[in-house]
Amino acid sequence: MRFKQTRGDLQVTSNTVKQKAIVKSAQDALSGRTNGFRRLLPFLGPAFIAAVAYIDPGNFATNIASGSQYGYLLLWVVLFSNLIAVLIQSMSAKLGIATGKNLPELAREQFPKPVSFGLWVQGELVVMATDLAEFIGAALGLYLLFGIPLFPSAIIAAVGSFAILVLQKRGVRTLEAGITGLVFIVVIAFTIQVFYAKPEMGPLLTGLLIPKFDGVNSILLAAGILGATVMPHAIYLHSALTQRRIVGKNDEERKKIYQYEFIDIVIAMVLAGVINASMLIVAASLFFENGLVIEDLDVAFDQLGVLIGPFAAILFGIGLLTAGLSSSTVGTMSGDIIMQGFIKRSIPLYLRRLITVAPPLIIIAMGINPTKALVMSQVVLSFGIAFALIPLVIFTSNRKIMGNLVNKRITTVTSWFLSLVIIVLNIFLLYQSFFG
């Protein structure tokens, strides 16, 4: 008797083969059978998916506004934010490796049911704010590049986000490769813009290495940079990306897996930091030096064309479009993890994408200023940071949960201190946004 094998069956088989290949390569690396850079390859990927959250369109708005108003003054905030990102994402990845569970799952187990339900509600609000930023960014990119009106551009961006989700169906390695490719497009776009902008190295290094503020508004923008960089949905996501990807058989293997994943995190966060720094540097060297205060991304696009040329403006549009599309996929994945973890429910990925597309499309159809909508989305994301960060520090500092991967004392103290700084800055940002 012959059985017909469907395309879906073939896809599942292919994904299983790929996953087995990853696991085998990882075991070879853990046992010392492979050497050099090849040992690292099986562990690269999860951090690049999480890093997309650090270069979403909200970062464009805050970095360009900061650079155009204060020059290189707040460049150190970008560096500081990315150092914090390395610490936070490493704890999230470590949680998944040590426990085999993601952050929302552990929260459901450790906290009372009403608390878990409340965390799910705020998590869904965070995902909606994320989707708003991503779709507005992608739609604005299409509008700037091709002159397509914003609402039709948003429809096209929605279709594009569904297309990227197809990569997830083709297996984790395909998704990681696709997202990494999109990240490198953004890196290349802004690196070329920095080259054409010709920044002065003296003021640049001063802004990068010497922490300084210039009035209340600069503190508000610094809080905006931090809020646009440290993203709550990325904290939830990273623990899920590592929880079952490569499973250690014992404490020693889990420790080695974490060491390799930490390298993945450093590489990905450095790239995200380069992109964010490049945005601010371009704004400082072009807009600030020419006395231009830029608060709207379409104005930034136009001025890049005037000050450098159409090619620079096109690169900016490509970067914005690519960042919006890639980060929209990450938002959808995070939403699925948040629902499954906090309330043990799940809906099909494409249905979730369809549901989350609706609010951004409605807001865009209402004609709200895109840049202002981006800034407001960052306010909502700022609100959600504490609800992801505090449970993360609590769990990763608990030896019963983490085993030998528990935070060292210095890590715990540093994490609590930075959490306090982030929360205070974001409370300040919320206050200024509504009452300032």
Protein backbone atom coordinates (compact mmCIF):
# COMPACT_ATOMS: atom_id res chain seq x y z
CA MET A 1 0.00 0.00 0.00
CA ARG A 2 1.33 3.49 -0.91
CA PHE A 3 0.62 6.59 1.09
CA LYS A 4 0.52 10.02 -0.43
CA GLN A 5 2.86 12.52 1.25
CA THR A 6 1.47 16.06 1.27
CA ARG A 7 3.45 19.27 1.05
CA GLY A 8 2.70 19.85 4.75
CA ASP A 9 4.13 16.43 5.62
CA LEU A 10 7.26 17.20 3.62
CA GLN A 11 7.63 20.54 5.37
CA VAL A 12 7.32 18.96 8.81
CA THR A 13 9.86 16.30 7.83
CA SER A 14 12.24 18.93 6.50
CA ASN A 15 11.94 21.00 9.70
CA THR A 16 12.56 17.90 11.82
CA VAL A 17 15.69 17.07 9.82
CA LYS A 18 16.97 20.63 10.19
CA GLN A 19 16.34 20.61 13.94
CA LYS A 20 18.16 17.29 14.29
CA ALA A 21 21.09 18.73 12.34
CA ILE A 22 21.23 21.72 14.72
CA VAL A 23 21.14 19.43 17.75
CA LYS A 24 23.87 17.17 16.33
CA SER A 25 26.11 20.13 15.53
CA ALA A 26 25.51 21.51 19.02
CA GLN A 27 26.37 18.18 20.64
CA ASP A 28 29.57 18.01 18.59
CA ALA A 29 30.48 21.49 19.83
CA LEU A 30 29.65 20.68 23.46
CA SER A 31 31.71 17.48 23.36
CA GLY A 32 34.70 19.19 21.71
CA ARG A 33 34.44 17.31 18.41
CA THR A 34 34.35 20.61 16.47
CA ASN A 35 36.72 23.54 16.86
CA GLY A 36 36.99 27.21 16.01
CA PHE A 37 34.10 29.23 14.66
CA ARG A 38 32.19 26.06 13.69
CA ARG A 39 31.61 25.36 17.39
CA LEU A 40 29.64 28.59 17.65
CA LEU A 41 27.43 28.17 14.57
CA PRO A 42 24.68 25.94 16.07
CA PHE A 43 24.08 28.50 18.82
CA LEU A 44 23.85 31.60 16.64
CA GLY A 45 20.42 32.94 15.78
CA PRO A 46 18.07 33.44 18.76
CA ALA A 47 19.64 36.75 19.78
CA PHE A 48 19.33 38.12 16.24
CA ILE A 49 15.56 37.54 16.35
CA ALA A 50 15.32 39.25 19.75
CA ALA A 51 17.62 42.07 18.57
CA VAL A 52 15.09 43.10 15.92
CA ALA A 53 13.01 44.54 18.76
CA TYR A 54 15.91 46.91 19.49
CA ILE A 55 15.83 48.49 16.04
CA ASP A 56 12.09 48.93 15.53
CA PRO A 57 10.73 52.20 14.02
CA GLY A 58 10.28 53.72 17.49
CA ASN A 59 14.06 53.89 17.72
CA PHE A 60 14.18 55.89 14.50
CA ALA A 61 11.96 58.60 16.01
CA THR A 62 13.80 58.90 19.33
CA ASN A 63 17.34 58.70 17.93
CA ILE A 64 16.76 61.22 15.15
CA ALA A 65 14.95 63.63 17.49
CA SER A 66 17.82 63.34 20.00
CA GLY A 67 20.56 63.83 17.42
CA SER A 68 18.89 66.79 15.71
CA GLN A 69 18.19 68.62 19.00
CA TYR A 70 21.34 67.86 21.00
CA GLY A 71 23.95 66.67 18.54
CA TYR A 72 26.14 63.91 19.96
CA LEU A 73 25.25 64.76 23.58
CA LEU A 74 23.06 61.69 24.16
CA LEU A 75 25.14 59.18 22.20
CA TRP A 76 26.32 57.71 25.52
CA VAL A 77 22.69 56.82 26.29
CA VAL A 78 22.65 54.55 23.23
CA LEU A 79 25.83 52.82 24.46
CA PHE A 80 24.43 52.54 28.01
CA SER A 81 21.11 51.18 26.71
CA ASN A 82 22.81 48.48 24.68
CA LEU A 83 25.00 47.40 27.59
CA ILE A 84 21.81 47.04 29.62
CA ALA A 85 20.29 45.10 26.71
CA VAL A 86 23.17 42.60 26.79
CA LEU A 87 22.58 41.97 30.50
CA ILE A 88 18.79 41.69 30.22
CA GLN A 89 18.75 39.48 27.11
CA SER A 90 21.45 37.23 28.57
CA MET A 91 19.31 36.69 31.68
CA SER A 92 16.27 35.95 29.52
CA ALA A 93 18.20 33.47 27.37
CA LYS A 94 19.70 31.88 30.48
CA LEU A 95 16.24 31.42 32.00
CA GLY A 96 15.10 29.38 29.01
CA ILE A 97 18.28 27.28 28.96
CA ALA A 98 18.25 26.55 32.71
CA THR A 99 14.55 25.76 33.14
CA GLY A 100 13.26 24.64 29.75
CA LYS A 101 10.47 27.19 30.27
CA ASN A 102 9.90 30.73 29.11
CA LEU A 103 9.33 33.76 31.33
CA PRO A 104 5.49 33.84 31.03
CA GLU A 105 5.27 30.10 31.80
CA LEU A 106 7.33 30.52 34.97
CA ALA A 107 5.27 33.56 35.98
CA ARG A 108 2.09 31.48 35.64
CA GLU A 109 3.58 28.78 37.86
CA GLN A 110 5.08 31.09 40.48
CA PHE A 111 2.47 33.84 40.80
CA PRO A 112 -1.23 33.73 41.84
CA LYS A 113 -3.69 33.28 38.99
CA PRO A 114 -5.07 36.87 39.09
CA VAL A 115 -1.49 38.24 38.87
CA SER A 116 -0.73 35.99 35.91
CA PHE A 117 -3.94 37.09 34.19
CA GLY A 118 -3.08 40.77 34.78
CA LEU A 119 0.40 40.22 33.36
CA TRP A 120 -1.18 38.64 30.27
CA VAL A 121 -3.45 41.67 29.75
CA GLN A 122 -0.57 44.16 29.99
CA GLY A 123 1.54 41.88 27.79
CA GLU A 124 -1.11 41.97 25.07
CA LEU A 125 -1.22 45.80 25.34
CA VAL A 126 2.55 45.84 24.90
CA VAL A 127 2.25 43.69 21.76
CA MET A 128 -0.44 46.02 20.36
CA ALA A 129 1.83 49.03 20.96
CA THR A 130 4.66 47.13 19.30
CA ASP A 131 2.50 46.34 16.28
CA LEU A 132 1.49 49.99 16.02
CA ALA A 133 5.11 51.12 15.88
CA GLU A 134 6.10 48.43 13.41
CA PHE A 135 3.24 48.91 10.96
CA ILE A 136 3.50 52.68 11.01
CA GLY A 137 7.23 52.38 10.37
CA ALA A 138 6.83 49.93 7.49
CA ALA A 139 3.93 51.91 5.98
CA LEU A 140 5.89 55.15 6.29
CA GLY A 141 8.86 53.48 4.59
CA LEU A 142 6.68 52.48 1.63
CA TYR A 143 5.15 55.94 1.48
CA LEU A 144 8.54 57.66 1.46
CA LEU A 145 10.08 55.29 -1.08
CA PHE A 146 7.21 54.95 -3.55
CA GLY A 147 4.76 57.72 -2.72
CA ILE A 148 1.99 55.24 -1.91
CA PRO A 149 -0.55 56.83 0.49
CA LEU A 150 -0.14 55.74 4.10
CA PHE A 151 -3.22 53.51 4.44
CA PRO A 152 -2.58 51.45 1.27
CA SER A 153 1.07 51.26 2.37
CA ALA A 154 -0.10 49.82 5.70
CA ILE A 155 -2.14 47.17 3.84
CA ILE A 156 0.93 46.22 1.79
CA ALA A 157 3.03 46.11 4.97
CA ALA A 158 0.46 43.78 6.55
CA VAL A 159 0.74 41.42 3.57
CA GLY A 160 4.53 41.61 3.84
CA SER A 161 4.40 40.67 7.52
CA PHE A 162 2.37 37.55 6.64
CA ALA A 163 5.01 36.64 4.06
CA ILE A 164 7.79 36.85 6.66
CA LEU A 165 5.77 34.62 9.00
CA VAL A 166 6.00 31.92 6.32
CA LEU A 167 9.70 31.65 7.25
CA GLN A 168 8.70 30.44 10.71
CA LYS A 169 6.75 27.60 9.15
CA ARG A 170 9.89 26.55 7.29
CA GLY A 171 11.83 25.98 10.49
CA VAL A 172 13.83 27.89 13.06
CA ARG A 173 17.01 28.10 10.97
CA THR A 174 15.15 29.58 8.00
CA LEU A 175 13.51 32.19 10.22
CA GLU A 176 16.81 33.06 11.92
CA ALA A 177 18.55 33.40 8.56
CA GLY A 178 15.77 35.58 7.15
CA ILE A 179 15.67 37.90 10.17
CA THR A 180 19.47 38.13 10.29
CA GLY A 181 19.50 39.10 6.62
CA LEU A 182 16.98 41.88 7.27
CA VAL A 183 19.05 43.15 10.21
CA PHE A 184 22.13 43.36 8.00
CA ILE A 185 20.18 45.36 5.40
CA VAL A 186 19.46 47.98 8.09
CA VAL A 187 23.12 47.89 9.23
CA ILE A 188 24.37 48.48 5.69
CA ALA A 189 21.85 51.27 5.04
CA PHE A 190 22.88 53.31 8.08
CA THR A 191 26.60 52.56 7.81
CA ILE A 192 26.58 54.07 4.32
CA GLN A 193 24.67 57.11 5.60
CA VAL A 194 27.27 57.66 8.34
CA PHE A 195 29.99 57.53 5.69
CA TYR A 196 28.26 60.24 3.66
CA ALA A 197 27.43 62.33 6.74
CA LYS A 198 31.16 62.63 7.65
CA PRO A 199 30.76 63.10 11.43
CA GLU A 200 33.44 64.89 13.46
CA MET A 201 35.24 62.30 15.59
CA GLY A 202 36.08 64.60 18.51
CA PRO A 203 32.51 65.58 19.45
CA LEU A 204 31.32 62.07 18.57
CA LEU A 205 33.72 60.39 21.04
CA THR A 206 32.90 63.00 23.69
CA GLY A 207 29.18 62.29 23.33
CA LEU A 208 29.80 58.53 23.37
CA LEU A 209 32.04 58.40 26.45
CA ILE A 210 31.04 61.34 28.68
CA PRO A 211 27.55 61.14 30.24
CA LYS A 212 25.84 64.54 30.20
CA PHE A 213 22.40 66.15 30.01
CA ASP A 214 21.28 69.60 28.93
CA GLY A 215 18.01 70.40 30.67
CA VAL A 216 14.81 68.47 31.35
CA ASN A 217 14.00 67.86 27.69
CA SER A 218 17.31 66.06 27.15
CA ILE A 219 16.48 63.76 30.10
CA LEU A 220 13.09 63.10 28.52
CA LEU A 221 14.73 62.18 25.21
CA ALA A 222 17.25 59.97 27.05
CA ALA A 223 14.33 58.16 28.69
CA GLY A 224 12.79 57.81 25.23
CA ILE A 225 15.99 56.27 23.84
CA LEU A 226 16.14 53.84 26.75
CA GLY A 227 12.44 53.03 26.46
CA ALA A 228 12.76 52.42 22.73
CA THR A 229 15.79 50.16 23.26
CA VAL A 230 14.86 47.97 26.24
CA MET A 231 11.70 46.30 24.96
CA PRO A 232 9.46 44.13 27.19
CA HIS A 233 8.33 41.78 24.43
CA ALA A 234 11.98 40.97 23.61
CA ILE A 235 12.47 39.93 27.24
CA TYR A 236 9.57 37.47 27.00
CA LEU A 237 10.64 36.25 23.57
CA HIS A 238 14.30 35.41 24.19
CA SER A 239 13.53 32.92 26.96
CA ALA A 240 11.18 31.10 24.58
CA LEU A 241 13.75 31.05 21.77
CA THR A 242 16.28 29.20 23.95
CA GLN A 243 14.05 26.99 26.11
CA ARG A 244 13.91 23.97 23.81
CA ARG A 245 16.20 24.89 20.92
CA ILE A 246 19.21 22.98 22.32
CA VAL A 247 18.55 21.11 25.57
CA GLY A 248 21.45 20.42 27.90
CA LYS A 249 21.60 16.95 29.44
CA ASN A 250 23.19 18.16 32.67
CA ASP A 251 24.35 21.29 34.48
CA GLU A 252 27.70 21.33 32.72
CA GLU A 253 26.13 21.21 29.25
CA ARG A 254 23.59 23.88 30.13
CA LYS A 255 26.42 26.13 31.31
CA LYS A 256 28.30 25.62 28.03
CA ILE A 257 25.15 26.29 26.01
CA TYR A 258 24.68 29.57 27.88
CA GLN A 259 28.29 30.57 27.24
CA TYR A 260 27.80 30.09 23.50
CA GLU A 261 24.45 31.87 23.55
CA PHE A 262 26.06 34.79 25.35
CA ILE A 263 28.40 35.25 22.37
CA ASP A 264 25.33 35.24 20.11
CA ILE A 265 23.79 37.95 22.32
CA VAL A 266 26.91 40.15 22.28
CA ILE A 267 27.18 40.00 18.48
CA ALA A 268 23.47 40.74 17.95
CA MET A 269 23.38 43.58 20.49
CA VAL A 270 26.53 45.16 19.04
CA LEU A 271 24.83 45.24 15.64
CA ALA A 272 21.67 46.74 17.17
CA GLY A 273 23.82 49.30 18.98
CA VAL A 274 25.64 50.22 15.77
CA ILE A 275 22.31 50.83 14.02
CA ASN A 276 20.93 53.00 16.84
CA ALA A 277 24.17 54.94 17.18
CA SER A 278 24.30 55.47 13.42
CA MET A 279 20.81 57.01 13.42
CA LEU A 280 21.79 59.51 16.10
CA ILE A 281 25.17 60.24 14.49
CA VAL A 282 23.60 60.99 11.11
CA ALA A 283 21.03 63.28 12.74
CA ALA A 284 23.72 65.06 14.76
CA SER A 285 26.21 65.54 11.94
CA LEU A 286 23.63 66.67 9.39
CA PHE A 287 20.55 68.13 11.09
CA PHE A 288 22.04 69.53 14.31
CA GLU A 289 25.04 71.02 12.52
CA ASN A 290 22.69 72.76 10.09
CA GLY A 291 20.34 74.03 12.81
CA LEU A 292 17.50 71.67 11.90
CA VAL A 293 15.32 70.20 14.64
CA ILE A 294 13.67 67.12 13.14
CA GLU A 295 10.70 65.53 14.88
CA ASP A 296 9.00 63.81 11.93
CA LEU A 297 10.51 60.93 9.99
CA ASP A 298 9.15 62.17 6.65
CA VAL A 299 10.96 65.48 7.24
CA ALA A 300 14.15 63.54 8.04
CA PHE A 301 13.76 61.66 4.75
CA ASP A 302 13.35 64.91 2.79
CA GLN A 303 16.28 66.63 4.50
CA LEU A 304 18.59 63.68 3.88
CA GLY A 305 17.79 64.06 0.19
CA VAL A 306 18.59 67.78 0.36
CA LEU A 307 21.79 67.56 2.46
CA ILE A 308 23.36 64.40 0.97
CA GLY A 309 21.31 63.33 -2.02
CA PRO A 310 18.44 61.05 -3.08
CA PHE A 311 20.54 57.92 -2.47
CA ALA A 312 20.80 58.69 1.28
CA ALA A 313 17.06 59.31 1.50
CA ILE A 314 16.36 56.01 -0.26
CA LEU A 315 18.65 54.17 2.18
CA PHE A 316 16.75 55.74 5.07
CA GLY A 317 13.43 54.59 3.60
CA ILE A 318 14.76 51.07 3.02
CA GLY A 319 16.04 50.90 6.60
CA LEU A 320 12.70 52.06 7.99
CA LEU A 321 10.70 49.63 5.83
CA THR A 322 12.98 46.68 6.64
CA ALA A 323 12.99 47.41 10.37
CA GLY A 324 9.20 47.68 10.42
CA LEU A 325 8.58 44.44 8.54
CA SER A 326 11.12 42.35 10.45
CA SER A 327 10.06 43.62 13.88
CA SER A 328 6.39 42.94 13.07
CA THR A 329 7.18 39.23 12.94
CA VAL A 330 8.90 39.40 16.32
CA GLY A 331 5.84 41.12 17.78
CA THR A 332 3.56 38.33 16.56
CA MET A 333 5.84 35.63 17.98
CA SER A 334 5.99 37.44 21.32
CA GLY A 335 2.20 37.72 21.46
CA ASP A 336 1.85 33.97 20.97
CA ILE A 337 4.37 33.28 23.76
CA ILE A 338 2.67 35.75 26.12
CA MET A 339 -0.77 34.17 25.67
CA GLN A 340 0.47 30.59 25.83
CA GLY A 341 2.63 31.26 28.86
CA PHE A 342 0.44 33.43 31.08
CA ILE A 343 -2.98 31.84 30.49
CA LYS A 344 -2.14 28.54 28.75
CA ARG A 345 -4.09 29.44 25.64
CA SER A 346 -3.00 29.73 22.03
CA ILE A 347 -4.44 30.76 18.70
CA PRO A 348 -3.06 30.05 15.21
CA LEU A 349 -0.17 32.35 14.31
CA TYR A 350 -1.82 33.73 11.15
CA LEU A 351 -5.06 34.44 13.03
CA ARG A 352 -3.10 36.32 15.69
CA ARG A 353 -1.38 38.34 12.97
CA LEU A 354 -4.78 39.14 11.44
CA ILE A 355 -6.18 40.30 14.80
CA THR A 356 -3.17 42.44 15.70
CA VAL A 357 -3.11 44.09 12.28
CA ALA A 358 -6.51 45.71 12.87
CA PRO A 359 -5.69 48.37 15.54
CA PRO A 360 -2.69 49.86 13.67
CA LEU A 361 -4.70 49.97 10.44
CA ILE A 362 -7.55 51.79 12.21
CA ILE A 363 -5.14 54.36 13.71
CA ILE A 364 -3.46 54.94 10.36
CA ALA A 365 -6.87 55.26 8.65
CA MET A 366 -7.78 57.95 11.21
CA GLY A 367 -4.95 60.10 9.88
CA ILE A 368 -3.00 60.44 13.13
CA ASN A 369 0.52 61.86 12.69
CA PRO A 370 2.76 58.78 12.21
CA THR A 371 5.69 60.07 14.25
CA LYS A 372 3.44 61.09 17.17
CA ALA A 373 1.81 57.66 17.07
CA LEU A 374 5.30 56.09 17.19
CA VAL A 375 6.20 58.16 20.26
CA MET A 376 2.94 57.17 22.01
CA SER A 377 3.61 53.52 21.28
CA GLN A 378 6.95 53.90 23.08
CA VAL A 379 5.09 55.31 26.10
CA VAL A 380 2.98 52.14 26.29
CA LEU A 381 6.09 49.99 25.90
CA SER A 382 7.76 51.94 28.70
CA PHE A 383 4.80 51.09 30.93
CA GLY A 384 5.33 47.37 30.28
CA ILE A 385 9.06 47.20 31.00
CA ALA A 386 8.74 46.77 34.79
CA PHE A 387 6.23 43.91 34.42
CA ALA A 388 8.74 41.90 32.35
CA LEU A 389 11.96 42.98 34.01
CA ILE A 390 11.10 42.47 37.69
CA PRO A 391 9.92 38.82 37.29
CA LEU A 392 13.00 38.13 35.15
CA VAL A 393 15.38 39.33 37.88
CA ILE A 394 13.41 37.49 40.60
CA PHE A 395 13.48 34.16 38.75
CA THR A 396 17.09 34.31 37.52
CA SER A 397 18.24 35.14 41.08
CA ASN A 398 16.49 32.05 42.52
CA ARG A 399 18.80 29.04 42.81
CA LYS A 400 15.88 26.59 43.11
CA ILE A 401 14.68 27.71 39.69
CA MET A 402 18.02 28.28 37.93
CA GLY A 403 20.36 25.68 39.44
CA ASN A 404 24.02 26.42 38.67
CA LEU A 405 23.00 29.12 36.17
CA VAL A 406 21.61 31.32 38.94
CA ASN A 407 22.75 34.94 38.77
CA LYS A 408 25.96 35.76 40.57
CA ARG A 409 25.55 38.25 43.41
CA ILE A 410 27.09 41.07 41.36
CA THR A 411 24.67 40.30 38.51
CA THR A 412 21.68 40.36 40.85
CA VAL A 413 22.72 43.65 42.50
CA THR A 414 23.45 45.25 39.12
CA SER A 415 20.17 43.98 37.68
CA TRP A 416 18.10 45.42 40.51
CA PHE A 417 19.92 48.73 40.32
CA LEU A 418 19.45 49.00 36.55
CA SER A 419 15.83 47.91 36.86
CA LEU A 420 15.28 50.75 39.32
CA VAL A 421 16.96 53.24 36.97
CA ILE A 422 14.92 52.04 33.98
CA ILE A 423 11.63 52.11 35.92
CA VAL A 424 12.29 55.60 37.36
CA LEU A 425 13.22 56.97 33.93
CA ASN A 426 10.13 55.46 32.37
CA ILE A 427 7.88 56.82 35.12
CA PHE A 428 9.42 60.21 34.33
CA LEU A 429 8.72 59.63 30.63
CA LEU A 430 5.09 58.73 31.35
CA TYR A 431 4.63 61.75 33.60
CA GLN A 432 6.12 64.14 31.05
CA SER A 433 4.07 62.62 28.24
CA PHE A 434 0.76 63.22 30.03
CA PHE A 435 1.39 66.13 32.40
CA GLY A 436 4.64 67.79 31.28
